[in-house]
Amino acid sequence: MAVTTPAAPVLTSPHRSANTAPSSNPMPPNIANAVLGNLHMKPWYPSFYPEDMIGGRKTDWLYVCQWCFKYTSEIMKFCGHCAQLYAQNLSLFSKLFLETKSVFFDASTFLYYTLVLRPEPTDPKSHGQVVGFFSKEKMSWDNNNVACILVFPPWQRRGLGQILIAASYELGKREERFGGPERPLSALGLKGYLAFWSGEVARWILGTQGKRSVGIKEISDATWILPEDVVAALVQMDVMEKRKTASGNVVVSKGKVRAWADKTGVRAAPLIDVDAFVEAEDVEYEDDEDDDG
């Protein structure tokens, strides 16, 4: 296939590899141990919790509510939160595992999307656990569909990051926001996005019938992935032939794409069910107060 090139039970935290951080000399964590609900994690980076709340510039233990992400240096129960406070608490906690996150307290210009892992529906009173999230600017001049994205360490390496990325692109498509994540990406973030881009490009190429030649722009328009990211995916997959067409276009081997998909376990089915999205106006809310006041 010729491709036209563009003009230019006990969950523990996995160890962070040395190449996941963009900085060669990252600051050490100011919190030695973080407990989210009943899960123990070892922070990777410092965060900016108020010193008077955690007992100084450094603390050995930080306890965080798994529902509202409120924090304390002692174990206690919290109830109730508002959206602004929730976003601040979520941002502060995520900074423990993100070196470059800079927005904590002024979250009013961002939208947050949380990934909730729900238990088996045997107990109707049981709640789901927030295992990751992504945020994006309400108005992005660069058309970024993600500002920050994270799956908390105990739930990493399960493909959940791919679900978050897929959701961000589907939302961007519905909003006609043609873009990608905020740059630069960390090494860990780039690895996740390359996996997503490659999977989407492979699905599209393998799904085409009767085409001997397609352009990068055609793939980009169909997948809503930026042209430069499509090229990065093709390079990552190593599916381009050394030869070129008479017009100078690169050639992608469909057989290599199929072999790559088989090797990496990429399936034809999409990562998410696009029909499962529920618009805000379709959600019904129950009033906590009686009708008679």
Protein backbone atom coordinates (compact mmCIF):
# COMPACT_ATOMS: atom_id res chain seq x y z
CA MET A 1 0.00 0.00 0.00
CA ALA A 2 1.46 3.36 -0.98
CA VAL A 3 1.12 6.15 1.57
CA THR A 4 1.47 9.79 0.61
CA THR A 5 3.80 11.55 3.03
CA PRO A 6 2.85 15.04 4.25
CA ALA A 7 4.91 18.14 3.57
CA ALA A 8 6.80 17.90 6.83
CA PRO A 9 -6.35 -8.33 45.99
CA VAL A 10 -3.31 -6.44 47.25
CA LEU A 11 -2.43 -3.79 44.79
CA THR A 12 1.07 -2.42 44.83
CA SER A 13 2.70 0.37 42.91
CA PRO A 14 4.95 -0.77 40.06
CA HIS A 15 8.49 0.55 40.13
CA ARG A 16 9.14 3.54 37.93
CA SER A 17 11.77 2.81 35.31
CA ALA A 18 14.58 5.27 34.83
CA ASN A 19 13.34 6.43 31.41
CA THR A 20 9.84 7.50 32.46
CA ALA A 21 10.80 11.00 33.58
CA PRO A 22 11.71 13.85 31.23
CA SER A 23 14.23 15.26 33.71
CA SER A 24 17.59 13.63 34.39
CA ASN A 25 17.62 15.05 37.91
CA PRO A 26 14.03 15.07 39.25
CA MET A 27 13.31 16.44 42.72
CA PRO A 28 12.87 13.73 45.36
CA PRO A 29 9.34 13.13 46.72
CA ASN A 30 8.38 15.17 49.77
CA ILE A 31 5.99 12.41 50.87
CA ALA A 32 7.50 8.99 51.55
CA ASN A 33 4.27 6.97 51.50
CA ALA A 34 0.80 7.73 50.12
CA VAL A 35 -2.26 5.73 51.13
CA LEU A 36 -5.29 5.99 48.83
CA GLY A 37 -8.15 4.34 50.70
CA ASN A 38 -6.51 1.05 51.68
CA LEU A 39 -3.85 1.07 48.94
CA HIS A 40 -0.23 1.90 49.65
CA MET A 41 1.82 3.70 47.00
CA LYS A 42 5.36 5.07 46.86
CA PRO A 43 5.27 8.56 45.28
CA TRP A 44 7.58 9.27 42.35
CA TYR A 45 7.73 13.08 42.57
CA PRO A 46 7.02 15.89 45.08
CA SER A 47 3.61 17.52 45.25
CA PHE A 48 2.50 20.83 46.73
CA TYR A 49 0.24 19.95 49.63
CA PRO A 50 0.02 22.76 52.23
CA GLU A 51 2.74 22.31 54.86
CA ASP A 52 0.36 23.00 57.74
CA MET A 53 -1.91 20.19 56.54
CA ILE A 54 0.70 17.47 56.15
CA GLY A 55 2.91 18.45 59.08
CA GLY A 56 5.88 20.14 57.41
CA ARG A 57 7.77 20.21 54.14
CA LYS A 58 8.23 16.45 54.28
CA THR A 59 6.13 13.72 55.79
CA ASP A 60 6.38 9.97 56.01
CA TRP A 61 2.70 9.20 55.47
CA LEU A 62 -0.15 10.90 53.65
CA TYR A 63 -3.68 9.49 53.79
CA VAL A 64 -5.99 10.38 50.92
CA CYS A 65 -9.72 9.74 50.68
CA GLN A 66 -10.40 7.40 47.75
CA TRP A 67 -13.70 9.15 46.99
CA CYS A 68 -13.00 12.89 47.14
CA PHE A 69 -9.16 12.85 47.33
CA LYS A 70 -9.18 14.96 50.49
CA TYR A 71 -5.92 14.52 52.36
CA THR A 72 -4.50 14.43 55.88
CA SER A 73 -1.46 13.19 57.77
CA GLU A 74 -3.83 11.27 60.04
CA ILE A 75 -6.50 8.68 59.24
CA MET A 76 -9.96 10.22 59.38
CA LYS A 77 -13.23 10.13 57.51
CA PHE A 78 -14.28 12.85 55.07
CA CYS A 79 -17.70 13.38 53.60
CA GLY A 80 -18.95 15.82 51.01
CA HIS A 81 -17.06 17.78 48.39
CA CYS A 82 -17.69 20.28 45.66
CA ALA A 83 -16.35 20.06 42.12
CA GLN A 84 -13.72 22.75 42.61
CA LEU A 85 -12.33 21.15 45.75
CA TYR A 86 -12.43 17.72 44.12
CA ALA A 87 -10.41 18.95 41.14
CA GLN A 88 -7.82 20.56 43.43
CA ASN A 89 -7.45 17.44 45.55
CA LEU A 90 -7.24 15.19 42.50
CA SER A 91 -4.57 17.43 40.97
CA LEU A 92 -2.50 17.50 44.15
CA PHE A 93 -2.60 13.72 44.47
CA SER A 94 -1.74 13.16 40.80
CA LYS A 95 1.33 15.41 41.17
CA LEU A 96 2.87 12.65 43.31
CA PHE A 97 3.20 10.64 40.09
CA LEU A 98 3.65 13.39 37.47
CA GLU A 99 6.82 15.46 37.31
CA THR A 100 5.56 18.21 35.01
CA LYS A 101 2.02 18.90 36.27
CA SER A 102 1.71 22.60 37.18
CA VAL A 103 -2.01 23.35 37.70
CA PHE A 104 -3.35 22.54 41.17
CA PHE A 105 -5.53 25.22 42.68
CA ASP A 106 -6.96 27.16 39.72
CA ALA A 107 -8.77 24.28 38.05
CA SER A 108 -11.73 26.35 36.84
CA THR A 109 -10.52 26.45 33.23
CA PHE A 110 -10.23 22.66 32.95
CA LEU A 111 -12.61 19.75 32.53
CA TYR A 112 -11.84 16.49 34.35
CA TYR A 113 -12.85 12.99 33.27
CA THR A 114 -12.35 10.20 35.78
CA LEU A 115 -12.07 6.49 35.02
CA VAL A 116 -14.08 4.53 37.60
CA LEU A 117 -13.49 0.84 38.20
CA ARG A 118 -16.76 -0.61 39.46
CA PRO A 119 -16.97 -3.83 41.51
CA GLU A 120 -19.21 -6.71 40.60
CA PRO A 121 -22.87 -5.62 40.87
CA THR A 122 -23.55 -7.83 43.88
CA ASP A 123 -23.73 -5.01 46.39
CA PRO A 124 -25.90 -2.09 45.20
CA LYS A 125 -24.38 0.11 47.92
CA SER A 126 -20.79 -0.42 46.81
CA HIS A 127 -19.03 2.46 45.07
CA GLY A 128 -16.62 2.44 42.19
CA GLN A 129 -12.98 3.41 42.64
CA VAL A 130 -11.39 6.23 40.65
CA VAL A 131 -8.31 4.62 39.10
CA GLY A 132 -7.25 7.36 36.69
CA PHE A 133 -8.31 10.52 34.89
CA PHE A 134 -7.52 12.99 32.19
CA SER A 135 -8.10 16.71 32.06
CA LYS A 136 -8.29 19.19 29.23
CA GLU A 137 -8.62 22.93 28.85
CA LYS A 138 -12.13 24.18 28.20
CA MET A 139 -10.66 26.34 25.46
CA SER A 140 -7.32 25.30 24.00
CA TRP A 141 -5.65 27.56 21.44
CA ASP A 142 -3.64 24.56 20.27
CA ASN A 143 -6.72 22.32 20.04
CA ASN A 144 -5.25 19.92 22.61
CA ASN A 145 -7.68 17.18 23.63
CA VAL A 146 -5.69 16.34 26.79
CA ALA A 147 -3.76 18.51 29.22
CA CYS A 148 -2.96 15.86 31.82
CA ILE A 149 -3.54 12.10 31.90
CA LEU A 150 -2.71 9.52 34.54
CA VAL A 151 -3.60 6.03 35.67
CA PHE A 152 -2.67 5.59 39.33
CA PRO A 153 0.25 3.15 39.82
CA PRO A 154 -1.69 0.18 41.29
CA TRP A 155 -3.82 0.02 38.12
CA GLN A 156 -1.13 0.66 35.53
CA ARG A 157 -0.14 -1.91 32.88
CA ARG A 158 -3.74 -3.05 32.44
CA GLY A 159 -4.59 -1.11 29.29
CA LEU A 160 -6.62 1.48 31.20
CA GLY A 161 -4.52 4.34 29.85
CA GLN A 162 -5.55 3.30 26.33
CA ILE A 163 -9.19 3.61 27.35
CA LEU A 164 -8.61 7.14 28.65
CA ILE A 165 -6.78 8.15 25.48
CA ALA A 166 -9.50 6.64 23.27
CA ALA A 167 -12.17 8.52 25.24
CA SER A 168 -10.28 11.80 24.85
CA TYR A 169 -10.15 11.37 21.06
CA GLU A 170 -13.82 10.40 20.86
CA LEU A 171 -14.79 13.48 22.87
CA GLY A 172 -12.55 15.62 20.67
CA LYS A 173 -14.25 14.20 17.59
CA ARG A 174 -17.69 15.06 18.97
CA GLU A 175 -16.51 18.57 19.82
CA GLU A 176 -14.76 18.88 16.43
CA ARG A 177 -11.52 19.49 18.30
CA PHE A 178 -8.91 18.09 15.92
CA GLY A 179 -5.73 17.79 17.94
CA GLY A 180 -3.76 15.68 20.34
CA PRO A 181 -2.25 15.75 23.81
CA GLU A 182 -0.44 18.76 25.20
CA ARG A 183 3.27 18.63 24.40
CA PRO A 184 5.92 17.77 25.36
CA LEU A 185 5.01 14.26 26.46
CA SER A 186 6.93 12.38 29.10
CA ALA A 187 8.66 9.17 28.02
CA LEU A 188 5.89 7.16 29.68
CA GLY A 189 3.20 9.30 28.06
CA LEU A 190 4.79 9.03 24.62
CA LYS A 191 4.93 5.26 24.96
CA GLY A 192 1.21 5.12 25.75
CA TYR A 193 0.24 7.46 22.92
CA LEU A 194 2.39 5.65 20.36
CA ALA A 195 0.63 2.43 21.32
CA PHE A 196 -2.76 4.09 20.81
CA TRP A 197 -1.88 5.83 17.55
CA SER A 198 -0.35 2.64 16.15
CA GLY A 199 -3.40 0.59 17.09
CA GLU A 200 -5.83 3.05 15.53
CA VAL A 201 -3.79 3.39 12.32
CA ALA A 202 -3.45 -0.40 12.04
CA ARG A 203 -7.21 -0.91 12.48
CA TRP A 204 -7.95 1.62 9.77
CA ILE A 205 -5.41 0.26 7.27
CA LEU A 206 -6.49 -3.35 7.80
CA GLY A 207 -10.12 -2.30 7.48
CA THR A 208 -9.67 -0.71 4.06
CA GLN A 209 -10.68 -2.82 1.09
CA GLY A 210 -9.66 -2.44 -2.54
CA LYS A 211 -7.28 0.48 -1.97
CA ARG A 212 -3.71 0.36 -3.21
CA SER A 213 -2.86 3.92 -2.26
CA VAL A 214 -3.95 6.19 0.59
CA GLY A 215 -2.61 9.47 1.87
CA ILE A 216 -1.46 10.37 5.36
CA LYS A 217 -4.18 13.02 5.40
CA GLU A 218 -6.82 10.41 4.59
CA ILE A 219 -5.68 8.27 7.53
CA SER A 220 -5.55 11.37 9.73
CA ASP A 221 -9.04 12.50 8.76
CA ALA A 222 -10.48 9.03 9.38
CA THR A 223 -8.83 8.46 12.75
CA TRP A 224 -8.76 12.07 14.02
CA ILE A 225 -5.05 11.63 14.72
CA LEU A 226 -2.72 14.46 13.67
CA PRO A 227 -0.71 13.74 10.48
CA GLU A 228 2.62 13.94 12.31
CA ASP A 229 1.32 11.43 14.86
CA VAL A 230 0.20 9.09 12.06
CA VAL A 231 3.75 9.20 10.68
CA ALA A 232 5.17 8.57 14.16
CA ALA A 233 2.90 5.53 14.46
CA LEU A 234 4.02 4.10 11.11
CA VAL A 235 7.66 4.56 12.12
CA GLN A 236 7.01 2.96 15.50
CA MET A 237 5.32 -0.03 13.84
CA ASP A 238 8.24 -0.42 11.41
CA VAL A 239 5.90 -1.19 8.52
CA MET A 240 7.32 1.11 5.85
CA GLU A 241 9.23 -0.41 2.96
CA LYS A 242 12.64 0.91 1.93
CA ARG A 243 11.45 1.42 -1.63
CA LYS A 244 9.26 4.32 -2.72
CA THR A 245 6.75 4.80 -5.50
CA ALA A 246 7.61 6.59 -8.74
CA SER A 247 6.10 9.77 -7.31
CA GLY A 248 8.30 9.54 -4.21
CA ASN A 249 5.67 8.34 -1.76
CA VAL A 250 6.58 5.85 0.94
CA VAL A 251 5.15 2.33 0.76
CA VAL A 252 3.53 0.62 3.72
CA SER A 253 3.28 -3.15 3.73
CA LYS A 254 -0.20 -4.27 4.67
CA GLY A 255 1.25 -7.67 5.49
CA LYS A 256 3.65 -6.06 7.96
CA VAL A 257 0.76 -4.14 9.52
CA ARG A 258 -1.19 -7.38 9.94
CA ALA A 259 1.86 -9.12 11.43
CA TRP A 260 2.38 -6.20 13.82
CA ALA A 261 -1.27 -6.34 14.90
CA ASP A 262 -1.06 -10.09 15.52
CA LYS A 263 2.17 -9.70 17.50
CA THR A 264 0.89 -6.86 19.70
CA GLY A 265 -2.61 -8.25 20.16
CA VAL A 266 -4.39 -5.37 18.43
CA ARG A 267 -7.89 -6.43 17.48
CA ALA A 268 -10.29 -5.10 14.88
CA ALA A 269 -12.81 -4.05 17.54
CA PRO A 270 -12.44 -0.46 18.83
CA LEU A 271 -11.07 0.16 22.32
CA ILE A 272 -14.27 1.78 23.57
CA ASP A 273 -17.97 1.59 22.78
CA VAL A 274 -18.69 4.95 21.18
CA ASP A 275 -22.43 4.37 21.62
CA ALA A 276 -22.03 4.11 25.40
CA PHE A 277 -21.40 7.84 25.90
CA VAL A 278 -24.19 9.57 27.81
CA GLU A 279 -24.77 13.26 27.28
CA ALA A 280 -25.17 15.39 30.40
CA GLU A 281 -28.77 16.27 29.60
CA ASP A 282 -29.62 12.56 29.43
CA VAL A 283 -28.59 11.94 33.05
CA GLU A 284 -31.32 11.98 35.66
CA TYR A 285 -30.58 13.29 39.15
CA GLU A 286 -32.53 12.68 42.32
CA ASP A 287 -33.22 15.59 44.61
CA ASP A 288 -31.80 14.98 48.08
CA GLU A 289 -34.53 17.12 49.63
CA ASP A 290 -38.22 16.33 49.92
CA ASP A 291 -40.55 18.05 47.49
CA ASP A 292 -42.32 19.85 50.29
CA GLY A 293 -39.04 21.34 51.52
